[in-house]
Amino acid sequence: MNTLINEPAAIRVWVEKRTVFLELTDGRIIGFPADRFRILSQASDDQLQEVCLRLNGFALRWEDLDEDITVPGILAGNFQLPYQKAS
């Protein structure tokens, strides 16, 4: 039996306190620290706010930073930098 797997896409994205949040088509809301990605970790708070959805919700784009991150990659936990707990 062939089962079509629908990966959830993002329908909304926003940033609060250097955490990027996604609302997904399956109803989940997830967040990840911007500092888990090299370019985002160097970005100002204002630059982080300038995120938009691309590719029908399967990618995040920061135009001024020239940074793209895929939603399936985020959901799979494919981060560039290790998690560092805020002190």
N, C-alpha and C. Protein backbone atom coordinates (compact mmCIF):
# COMPACT_ATOMS: atom_id res chain seq x y z
N MET A 1 0.85 -1.18 0.00
CA MET A 1 0.00 0.00 0.00
C MET A 1 0.89 1.24 0.00
N ASN A 2 0.63 2.14 -0.90
CA ASN A 2 1.40 3.38 -1.02
C ASN A 2 0.75 4.47 -0.17
N THR A 3 1.50 5.03 0.73
CA THR A 3 0.98 6.11 1.57
C THR A 3 1.74 7.38 1.23
N LEU A 4 1.00 8.41 0.89
CA LEU A 4 1.60 9.70 0.60
C LEU A 4 1.82 10.44 1.91
N ILE A 5 3.07 10.80 2.16
CA ILE A 5 3.39 11.52 3.39
C ILE A 5 3.41 13.01 3.08
N ASN A 6 2.57 13.74 3.77
CA ASN A 6 2.55 15.20 3.60
C ASN A 6 3.37 15.83 4.70
N GLU A 7 4.48 16.43 4.31
CA GLU A 7 5.27 17.16 5.30
C GLU A 7 4.57 18.47 5.61
N PRO A 8 4.52 18.84 6.88
CA PRO A 8 3.89 20.11 7.21
C PRO A 8 4.72 21.29 6.69
N ALA A 9 4.03 22.31 6.29
CA ALA A 9 4.67 23.56 5.85
C ALA A 9 4.34 24.63 6.88
N ALA A 10 5.05 25.74 6.80
CA ALA A 10 4.78 26.86 7.70
C ALA A 10 3.72 27.76 7.08
N ILE A 11 2.79 28.21 7.91
CA ILE A 11 1.79 29.17 7.44
C ILE A 11 2.02 30.54 8.06
N ARG A 12 2.92 30.59 9.06
CA ARG A 12 3.24 31.87 9.70
C ARG A 12 4.61 31.75 10.34
N VAL A 13 5.36 32.83 10.33
CA VAL A 13 6.68 32.86 10.98
C VAL A 13 6.83 34.20 11.70
N TRP A 14 7.43 34.17 12.89
CA TRP A 14 7.72 35.39 13.63
C TRP A 14 8.89 35.14 14.56
N VAL A 15 9.48 36.22 15.06
CA VAL A 15 10.64 36.13 15.94
C VAL A 15 10.36 36.88 17.23
N GLU A 16 10.65 36.23 18.36
CA GLU A 16 10.56 36.86 19.68
C GLU A 16 11.81 36.50 20.46
N LYS A 17 12.50 37.51 20.96
CA LYS A 17 13.67 37.31 21.81
C LYS A 17 14.65 36.30 21.22
N ARG A 18 14.98 36.49 19.94
CA ARG A 18 15.96 35.68 19.21
C ARG A 18 15.54 34.22 19.03
N THR A 19 14.24 33.96 19.20
CA THR A 19 13.69 32.64 18.90
C THR A 19 12.77 32.79 17.70
N VAL A 20 12.98 31.92 16.71
CA VAL A 20 12.15 31.92 15.50
C VAL A 20 11.02 30.92 15.71
N PHE A 21 9.79 31.37 15.55
CA PHE A 21 8.62 30.53 15.73
C PHE A 21 7.94 30.28 14.38
N LEU A 22 7.44 29.06 14.23
CA LEU A 22 6.69 28.68 13.04
C LEU A 22 5.35 28.10 13.44
N GLU A 23 4.30 28.52 12.77
CA GLU A 23 3.01 27.84 12.88
C GLU A 23 2.89 26.96 11.65
N LEU A 24 2.64 25.67 11.88
CA LEU A 24 2.64 24.70 10.79
C LEU A 24 1.23 24.34 10.35
N THR A 25 1.14 23.80 9.14
CA THR A 25 -0.15 23.42 8.58
C THR A 25 -0.83 22.31 9.38
N ASP A 26 -0.09 21.56 10.20
CA ASP A 26 -0.70 20.51 11.01
C ASP A 26 -1.12 21.00 12.39
N GLY A 27 -1.02 22.34 12.62
CA GLY A 27 -1.48 22.92 13.87
C GLY A 27 -0.41 23.13 14.92
N ARG A 28 0.77 22.56 14.72
CA ARG A 28 1.85 22.75 15.70
C ARG A 28 2.45 24.15 15.58
N ILE A 29 2.94 24.63 16.71
CA ILE A 29 3.78 25.83 16.75
C ILE A 29 5.10 25.39 17.35
N ILE A 30 6.17 25.62 16.60
CA ILE A 30 7.50 25.24 17.09
C ILE A 30 8.40 26.46 17.08
N GLY A 31 9.43 26.40 17.86
CA GLY A 31 10.40 27.49 17.91
C GLY A 31 11.81 26.94 18.01
N PHE A 32 12.75 27.71 17.51
CA PHE A 32 14.16 27.33 17.63
C PHE A 32 14.99 28.59 17.82
N PRO A 33 16.10 28.47 18.54
CA PRO A 33 16.97 29.63 18.75
C PRO A 33 17.64 30.04 17.44
N ALA A 34 17.58 31.30 17.11
CA ALA A 34 18.25 31.79 15.90
C ALA A 34 19.74 31.51 15.96
N ASP A 35 20.28 31.46 17.17
CA ASP A 35 21.71 31.25 17.34
C ASP A 35 22.17 29.84 16.98
N ARG A 36 21.27 28.97 16.54
CA ARG A 36 21.65 27.64 16.08
C ARG A 36 22.15 27.67 14.63
N PHE A 37 22.05 28.85 13.97
CA PHE A 37 22.52 29.02 12.59
C PHE A 37 23.56 30.12 12.54
N ARG A 38 24.66 29.88 11.83
CA ARG A 38 25.80 30.80 11.81
C ARG A 38 25.40 32.23 11.45
N ILE A 39 24.75 32.40 10.32
CA ILE A 39 24.42 33.76 9.87
C ILE A 39 23.43 34.42 10.82
N LEU A 40 22.43 33.68 11.25
CA LEU A 40 21.43 34.26 12.15
C LEU A 40 22.04 34.61 13.50
N SER A 41 23.03 33.86 13.94
CA SER A 41 23.64 34.14 15.24
C SER A 41 24.38 35.48 15.23
N GLN A 42 24.78 35.95 14.06
CA GLN A 42 25.48 37.23 13.94
C GLN A 42 24.53 38.39 13.63
N ALA A 43 23.27 38.08 13.39
CA ALA A 43 22.29 39.10 12.99
C ALA A 43 21.80 39.90 14.19
N SER A 44 21.45 41.14 13.92
CA SER A 44 20.84 41.97 14.96
C SER A 44 19.39 41.52 15.18
N ASP A 45 18.81 41.94 16.29
CA ASP A 45 17.41 41.62 16.56
C ASP A 45 16.51 42.16 15.45
N ASP A 46 16.79 43.36 14.96
CA ASP A 46 15.99 43.94 13.88
C ASP A 46 16.11 43.13 12.60
N GLN A 47 17.32 42.66 12.29
CA GLN A 47 17.51 41.85 11.09
C GLN A 47 16.74 40.53 11.19
N LEU A 48 16.71 39.94 12.37
CA LEU A 48 15.98 38.68 12.55
C LEU A 48 14.49 38.84 12.28
N GLN A 49 13.95 40.01 12.60
CA GLN A 49 12.53 40.27 12.40
C GLN A 49 12.13 40.27 10.92
N GLU A 50 13.09 40.44 10.05
CA GLU A 50 12.81 40.58 8.61
C GLU A 50 12.73 39.24 7.90
N VAL A 51 12.09 38.27 8.50
CA VAL A 51 11.96 36.93 7.92
C VAL A 51 10.63 36.82 7.17
N CYS A 52 10.64 36.05 6.09
CA CYS A 52 9.40 35.79 5.37
C CYS A 52 9.38 34.33 4.92
N LEU A 53 8.19 33.86 4.60
CA LEU A 53 8.01 32.49 4.11
C LEU A 53 8.21 32.46 2.60
N ARG A 54 8.84 31.40 2.11
CA ARG A 54 9.03 31.18 0.68
C ARG A 54 8.68 29.73 0.35
N LEU A 55 8.63 29.43 -0.92
CA LEU A 55 8.39 28.07 -1.42
C LEU A 55 7.16 27.43 -0.77
N ASN A 56 6.06 28.18 -0.80
CA ASN A 56 4.80 27.68 -0.24
C ASN A 56 4.91 27.23 1.21
N GLY A 57 5.73 27.93 1.99
CA GLY A 57 5.87 27.62 3.41
C GLY A 57 6.91 26.57 3.73
N PHE A 58 7.69 26.15 2.74
CA PHE A 58 8.73 25.14 2.99
C PHE A 58 10.11 25.75 3.20
N ALA A 59 10.20 27.08 3.20
CA ALA A 59 11.49 27.73 3.44
C ALA A 59 11.28 29.07 4.12
N LEU A 60 12.29 29.46 4.91
CA LEU A 60 12.34 30.78 5.54
C LEU A 60 13.41 31.57 4.81
N ARG A 61 13.18 32.86 4.62
CA ARG A 61 14.13 33.71 3.90
C ARG A 61 14.35 35.00 4.65
N TRP A 62 15.64 35.35 4.83
CA TRP A 62 16.06 36.65 5.33
C TRP A 62 16.80 37.33 4.18
N GLU A 63 16.13 38.21 3.48
CA GLU A 63 16.68 38.82 2.26
C GLU A 63 17.96 39.59 2.55
N ASP A 64 17.95 40.49 3.54
CA ASP A 64 19.13 41.31 3.83
C ASP A 64 20.33 40.49 4.28
N LEU A 65 20.06 39.33 4.89
CA LEU A 65 21.14 38.46 5.35
C LEU A 65 21.54 37.43 4.30
N ASP A 66 20.76 37.33 3.23
CA ASP A 66 20.94 36.33 2.18
C ASP A 66 20.99 34.92 2.79
N GLU A 67 20.00 34.65 3.64
CA GLU A 67 19.93 33.36 4.35
C GLU A 67 18.60 32.69 4.07
N ASP A 68 18.67 31.40 3.74
CA ASP A 68 17.49 30.56 3.53
C ASP A 68 17.62 29.32 4.41
N ILE A 69 16.53 28.93 5.05
CA ILE A 69 16.51 27.73 5.87
C ILE A 69 15.24 26.97 5.52
N THR A 70 15.36 25.65 5.32
CA THR A 70 14.18 24.87 4.96
C THR A 70 13.41 24.44 6.20
N VAL A 71 12.10 24.43 6.07
CA VAL A 71 11.24 23.99 7.17
C VAL A 71 11.46 22.50 7.44
N PRO A 72 11.53 21.62 6.42
CA PRO A 72 11.81 20.21 6.73
C PRO A 72 13.14 20.02 7.46
N GLY A 73 14.13 20.83 7.15
CA GLY A 73 15.42 20.75 7.85
C GLY A 73 15.29 21.13 9.31
N ILE A 74 14.51 22.17 9.59
CA ILE A 74 14.26 22.58 10.98
C ILE A 74 13.55 21.46 11.73
N LEU A 75 12.51 20.90 11.10
CA LEU A 75 11.74 19.83 11.76
C LEU A 75 12.59 18.60 12.02
N ALA A 76 13.59 18.37 11.16
CA ALA A 76 14.49 17.23 11.34
C ALA A 76 15.61 17.53 12.33
N GLY A 77 15.70 18.78 12.79
CA GLY A 77 16.74 19.15 13.75
C GLY A 77 18.10 19.37 13.12
N ASN A 78 18.12 19.75 11.84
CA ASN A 78 19.38 20.01 11.14
C ASN A 78 19.86 21.43 11.40
N PHE A 79 20.51 21.62 12.54
CA PHE A 79 21.03 22.92 12.92
C PHE A 79 22.54 22.96 12.67
N GLN A 80 23.08 24.15 12.44
CA GLN A 80 24.50 24.30 12.16
C GLN A 80 25.35 24.37 13.42
N LEU A 81 24.78 24.89 14.49
CA LEU A 81 25.54 25.13 15.71
C LEU A 81 24.87 24.42 16.89
N PRO A 82 25.65 24.01 17.89
CA PRO A 82 25.08 23.33 19.05
C PRO A 82 24.22 24.28 19.90
N TYR A 83 23.29 23.70 20.60
CA TYR A 83 22.43 24.46 21.51
C TYR A 83 23.24 24.93 22.70
N GLN A 84 23.08 26.20 23.03
CA GLN A 84 23.73 26.76 24.21
C GLN A 84 22.67 27.41 25.07
N LYS A 85 22.49 26.87 26.25
CA LYS A 85 21.49 27.39 27.17
C LYS A 85 21.87 28.81 27.58
N ALA A 86 20.88 29.68 27.56
CA ALA A 86 21.10 31.07 27.97
C ALA A 86 21.43 31.08 29.46
N SER A 87 22.39 31.95 29.82
CA SER A 87 22.77 32.01 31.24
C SER A 87 22.13 33.16 31.95
